[in-house]
Amino acid sequence: MKKRRLIFLTNDDGYAAKGFAAAIELVREFGDVVAVAPATPQSGRSQAITMYEPIFLELKHSEPGLEVYSFSGTPVDCVKFAFDHLLADRKVDLVVSGINHGSNSAINVLYSGTMGAAIEGSFYGCPAVGLSPTDHNPDADFEAAKEYARTIISSVLESPDDSGRPLCLNVNVPNIEREQIRGVRVCRQCRGIWREEFYRHEDPRGKPYFWLTGSYTNYEPEATDTDEWALQNGYVAVVPVQIDMTSYPQMSYLERILK
């Protein structure tokens, strides 16, 4: 009898998020599932880890083929705990992070707790997929995301990557009707940046506080090979994420000026 695959699932919106329930339903199609998600929303935590306080684990649900836990740490804490403790003696076939509420395209990949967890999973030599529809609504419709994620996950599992590098995919799905999605585009991360604004307010005692907001500036709006272009033109954007952040084109320049 063929051994069932083991899928590890996490997210950054918390174990109670609607997208997490949708992800559990999706990944159970591919094998047994162990899910460890933050106890509270952890968006924007990137690769953050908990070092100076205890972390608490709570089993939320258990049935044959499925275990769901909440963990009081960050998304990356969830991955580390799973691989180094909870599943230390088992082989994980795939890491899935999501389904996230909101886009993680372009520079968002650097801030995202969803992608932080996916990237961490790839550190363990396991293929990893971060899933993010561009809809931030807590009650978002995840059917289109599930449909395309099903195809992508199946392809990853059935055709192992032979590049010798950890496989980590940043998958973003446009917030349009499923029938309007034009397909999947493999693309690169768009170059741009967030410009933040801090709105100042005062509490009833006159003490100032601030709310962070801002807007994204696309530095290459005419480029047709980026994730932002794909999403704006009705495609599911799939970006392979590279862990090595070395800027190789600048190495010769620095070698020249730092002699």
Protein backbone atom coordinates (compact mmCIF):
# COMPACT_ATOMS: atom_id res chain seq x y z
CA MET A 1 0.00 0.00 0.00
CA LYS A 2 1.38 3.39 -1.03
CA LYS A 3 2.19 5.68 1.89
CA ARG A 4 0.12 8.86 1.96
CA ARG A 5 1.87 12.15 1.56
CA LEU A 6 2.27 14.48 4.53
CA ILE A 7 1.35 18.12 3.97
CA PHE A 8 2.23 20.81 6.48
CA LEU A 9 -0.05 23.84 6.51
CA THR A 10 0.28 27.23 8.17
CA ASN A 11 -0.69 30.86 7.56
CA ASP A 12 -0.34 34.38 8.99
CA ASP A 13 -4.02 35.29 9.48
CA GLY A 14 -4.48 32.89 12.38
CA TYR A 15 -5.99 29.43 12.72
CA ALA A 16 -9.55 30.84 12.81
CA ALA A 17 -9.31 32.65 9.44
CA LYS A 18 -11.68 31.63 6.65
CA GLY A 19 -8.76 31.25 4.26
CA PHE A 20 -7.13 28.72 6.56
CA ALA A 21 -10.27 26.58 6.59
CA ALA A 22 -10.33 26.76 2.78
CA ALA A 23 -6.67 25.71 2.67
CA ILE A 24 -7.32 22.71 4.92
CA GLU A 25 -10.13 21.58 2.65
CA LEU A 26 -7.84 21.95 -0.37
CA VAL A 27 -4.66 20.27 0.86
CA ARG A 28 -6.48 17.26 2.33
CA GLU A 29 -6.93 16.15 -1.26
CA PHE A 30 -3.19 15.52 -1.45
CA GLY A 31 -2.47 13.61 1.75
CA ASP A 32 -2.50 13.71 5.51
CA VAL A 33 -2.38 17.23 6.94
CA VAL A 34 -0.76 18.69 10.02
CA ALA A 35 -1.68 22.35 10.39
CA VAL A 36 -0.04 24.74 12.85
CA ALA A 37 -1.16 28.35 12.60
CA PRO A 38 -0.70 31.44 14.77
CA ALA A 39 -3.19 31.87 17.58
CA THR A 40 -3.72 35.49 16.51
CA PRO A 41 -3.27 37.37 13.19
CA GLN A 42 0.41 37.85 12.34
CA SER A 43 0.35 39.69 9.00
CA GLY A 44 3.50 41.60 8.15
CA ARG A 45 5.72 39.52 10.42
CA SER A 46 7.96 38.28 7.58
CA GLN A 47 10.73 36.03 9.04
CA ALA A 48 10.18 37.13 12.64
CA ILE A 49 10.77 34.55 15.37
CA THR A 50 9.92 34.51 19.08
CA MET A 51 12.99 34.47 21.30
CA TYR A 52 12.20 36.13 24.63
CA GLU A 53 8.89 34.63 25.71
CA PRO A 54 7.36 31.14 25.87
CA ILE A 55 5.21 29.85 23.01
CA PHE A 56 2.03 27.89 23.70
CA LEU A 57 0.63 25.07 21.57
CA GLU A 58 -3.03 24.07 21.64
CA LEU A 59 -4.65 21.20 19.74
CA LYS A 60 -7.82 22.55 18.12
CA HIS A 61 -8.99 19.59 16.08
CA SER A 62 -7.96 16.00 15.45
CA GLU A 63 -9.35 13.29 13.21
CA PRO A 64 -7.79 10.62 10.98
CA GLY A 65 -5.56 12.39 8.46
CA LEU A 66 -5.87 15.85 10.03
CA GLU A 67 -4.43 17.65 13.05
CA VAL A 68 -4.97 21.38 13.60
CA TYR A 69 -3.04 23.37 16.21
CA SER A 70 -2.86 26.99 17.26
CA PHE A 71 0.55 28.31 18.28
CA SER A 72 1.13 31.58 20.10
CA GLY A 73 4.14 32.52 17.95
CA THR A 74 4.76 33.88 14.47
CA PRO A 75 4.24 32.06 11.15
CA VAL A 76 7.94 31.18 11.02
CA ASP A 77 7.74 29.91 14.61
CA CYS A 78 4.99 27.56 13.42
CA VAL A 79 7.21 26.15 10.67
CA LYS A 80 10.26 25.77 12.92
CA PHE A 81 8.22 24.07 15.62
CA ALA A 82 6.70 21.65 13.12
CA PHE A 83 9.93 20.60 11.42
CA ASP A 84 12.20 20.63 14.48
CA HIS A 85 9.80 19.18 17.05
CA LEU A 86 6.27 18.14 16.15
CA LEU A 87 7.20 16.38 12.87
CA ALA A 88 10.91 15.89 13.50
CA ASP A 89 10.72 12.15 12.84
CA ARG A 90 8.46 12.38 9.76
CA LYS A 91 9.08 13.38 6.14
CA VAL A 92 7.03 16.37 5.01
CA ASP A 93 6.26 16.33 1.29
CA LEU A 94 4.95 19.88 0.91
CA VAL A 95 4.53 23.11 2.86
CA VAL A 96 1.52 25.29 2.06
CA SER A 97 1.10 28.75 3.60
CA GLY A 98 -2.27 30.46 3.30
CA ILE A 99 -4.76 30.89 1.92
CA ASN A 100 -3.90 34.50 2.73
CA HIS A 101 -6.37 37.39 2.83
CA GLY A 102 -4.70 39.89 0.47
CA SER A 103 -1.97 40.09 -2.15
CA ASN A 104 1.67 39.26 -1.51
CA SER A 105 2.93 40.34 -4.93
CA ALA A 106 5.93 42.58 -5.63
CA ILE A 107 7.77 43.89 -2.54
CA ASN A 108 5.03 42.53 -0.27
CA VAL A 109 6.89 39.22 -0.39
CA LEU A 110 9.50 40.74 1.94
CA TYR A 111 6.96 41.81 4.57
CA SER A 112 4.51 38.93 4.33
CA GLY A 113 4.12 36.46 7.17
CA THR A 114 2.52 34.09 4.67
CA MET A 115 5.60 34.10 2.47
CA GLY A 116 7.91 34.20 5.48
CA ALA A 117 6.47 30.83 6.48
CA ALA A 118 6.68 29.42 2.94
CA ILE A 119 10.30 30.53 2.62
CA GLU A 120 11.11 29.00 6.00
CA GLY A 121 9.60 25.72 4.86
CA SER A 122 11.88 25.70 1.83
CA PHE A 123 14.88 26.04 4.17
CA TYR A 124 14.17 22.45 5.20
CA GLY A 125 14.53 21.25 1.61
CA CYS A 126 10.79 20.87 1.23
CA PRO A 127 8.84 22.40 -1.69
CA ALA A 128 6.71 25.26 -0.42
CA VAL A 129 3.82 27.27 -1.83
CA GLY A 130 2.40 30.55 -0.52
CA LEU A 131 -1.18 31.22 -1.67
CA SER A 132 -2.68 34.71 -1.71
CA PRO A 133 -5.80 36.04 -3.45
CA THR A 134 -5.73 39.82 -3.80
CA ASP A 135 -9.01 40.11 -1.85
CA HIS A 136 -8.44 41.41 1.73
CA ASN A 137 -12.04 40.80 2.77
CA PRO A 138 -12.26 38.49 5.83
CA ASP A 139 -15.22 36.82 4.09
CA ALA A 140 -13.46 36.53 0.71
CA ASP A 141 -14.45 33.91 -1.86
CA PHE A 142 -11.57 31.42 -2.14
CA GLU A 143 -12.98 29.12 -4.81
CA ALA A 144 -10.84 30.50 -7.65
CA ALA A 145 -7.74 30.41 -5.47
CA LYS A 146 -8.45 26.80 -4.54
CA GLU A 147 -9.01 25.80 -8.15
CA TYR A 148 -5.71 27.21 -9.40
CA ALA A 149 -3.80 26.18 -6.29
CA ARG A 150 -5.02 22.63 -6.81
CA THR A 151 -3.42 22.56 -10.27
CA ILE A 152 -0.17 24.17 -9.09
CA ILE A 153 0.20 21.90 -6.05
CA SER A 154 -0.53 18.81 -8.11
CA SER A 155 2.11 19.82 -10.67
CA VAL A 156 4.71 20.47 -7.97
CA LEU A 157 4.08 17.13 -6.28
CA GLU A 158 4.01 15.10 -9.50
CA SER A 159 7.04 16.77 -11.15
CA PRO A 160 9.80 17.26 -8.56
CA ASP A 161 12.17 20.16 -9.18
CA ASP A 162 15.67 19.02 -10.22
CA SER A 163 17.36 22.43 -10.10
CA GLY A 164 19.11 21.62 -6.83
CA ARG A 165 17.59 24.70 -5.19
CA PRO A 166 14.76 24.81 -2.64
CA LEU A 167 11.48 25.39 -4.47
CA CYS A 168 9.35 28.20 -3.04
CA LEU A 169 6.46 29.66 -5.02
CA ASN A 170 4.68 32.95 -4.39
CA VAL A 171 1.23 32.43 -5.91
CA ASN A 172 -1.17 35.38 -6.16
CA VAL A 173 -4.69 35.18 -7.58
CA PRO A 174 -6.51 38.25 -8.98
CA ASN A 175 -9.73 39.33 -7.29
CA ILE A 176 -12.02 38.84 -10.28
CA GLU A 177 -14.71 36.35 -11.25
CA ARG A 178 -13.30 32.87 -11.72
CA GLU A 179 -14.52 32.80 -15.34
CA GLN A 180 -12.54 35.96 -16.09
CA ILE A 181 -9.17 34.57 -14.97
CA ARG A 182 -7.09 34.06 -18.10
CA GLY A 183 -4.73 31.38 -16.77
CA VAL A 184 -1.38 31.13 -15.01
CA ARG A 185 1.71 33.23 -15.72
CA VAL A 186 5.17 32.37 -14.42
CA CYS A 187 6.72 35.78 -13.83
CA ARG A 188 9.17 37.81 -11.81
CA GLN A 189 8.70 40.06 -8.82
CA CYS A 190 7.74 43.58 -9.80
CA ARG A 191 10.11 46.37 -8.77
CA GLY A 192 8.43 48.96 -6.61
CA ILE A 193 8.12 50.20 -3.07
CA TRP A 194 5.59 51.15 -0.42
CA ARG A 195 5.51 54.80 0.63
CA GLU A 196 4.11 54.90 4.13
CA GLU A 197 2.06 57.59 5.79
CA PHE A 198 1.51 57.92 9.51
CA TYR A 199 -1.77 59.48 10.58
CA ARG A 200 -1.56 61.21 13.94
CA HIS A 201 -4.44 61.06 16.38
CA GLU A 202 -4.88 61.67 20.10
CA ASP A 203 -6.50 59.47 22.70
CA PRO A 204 -9.10 60.92 25.13
CA ARG A 205 -6.27 62.05 27.42
CA GLY A 206 -4.46 63.90 24.68
CA LYS A 207 -1.68 61.35 24.19
CA PRO A 208 -0.70 61.09 20.52
CA TYR A 209 -0.79 57.81 18.62
CA PHE A 210 -0.32 56.88 14.97
CA TRP A 211 -1.93 54.64 12.35
CA LEU A 212 0.25 53.31 9.55
CA THR A 213 -1.06 53.43 5.99
CA GLY A 214 0.44 54.06 2.56
CA SER A 215 0.37 53.22 -1.12
CA TYR A 216 2.39 51.07 -3.50
CA THR A 217 4.41 52.71 -6.28
CA ASN A 218 5.14 50.52 -9.29
CA TYR A 219 8.55 51.49 -10.73
CA GLU A 220 8.00 49.58 -13.97
CA PRO A 221 4.31 49.81 -14.92
CA GLU A 222 5.01 49.05 -18.58
CA ALA A 223 6.84 45.75 -17.92
CA THR A 224 4.78 42.74 -19.01
CA ASP A 225 6.78 40.00 -17.27
CA THR A 226 6.02 40.94 -13.64
CA ASP A 227 3.57 39.65 -11.06
CA GLU A 228 1.84 43.04 -10.86
CA TRP A 229 1.21 43.05 -14.61
CA ALA A 230 -0.10 39.49 -14.50
CA LEU A 231 -2.58 40.28 -11.71
CA GLN A 232 -3.76 43.49 -13.34
CA ASN A 233 -4.36 41.61 -16.59
CA GLY A 234 -6.34 38.75 -15.13
CA TYR A 235 -3.67 36.08 -14.64
CA VAL A 236 -2.65 34.03 -11.62
CA ALA A 237 0.94 35.15 -10.90
CA VAL A 238 3.49 32.48 -9.95
CA VAL A 239 6.91 33.75 -8.87
CA PRO A 240 9.69 31.34 -7.86
CA VAL A 241 11.29 32.93 -4.80
CA GLN A 242 15.06 32.87 -4.41
CA ILE A 243 16.47 32.69 -0.91
CA ASP A 244 19.93 34.02 -1.80
CA MET A 245 19.62 37.84 -1.59
CA THR A 246 23.16 38.52 -2.86
CA SER A 247 23.24 41.25 -5.52
CA TYR A 248 25.63 39.50 -7.89
CA PRO A 249 25.78 42.32 -10.51
CA GLN A 250 27.24 44.65 -7.85
CA MET A 251 29.97 42.31 -6.66
CA SER A 252 32.49 43.31 -9.36
CA TYR A 253 31.76 46.99 -8.69
CA LEU A 254 32.47 46.56 -4.96
CA GLU A 255 35.57 44.49 -5.62
CA ARG A 256 36.84 47.34 -7.78
CA ILE A 257 36.16 50.21 -5.37
CA LEU A 258 37.08 48.40 -2.16
CA LYS A 259 40.58 47.29 -3.15
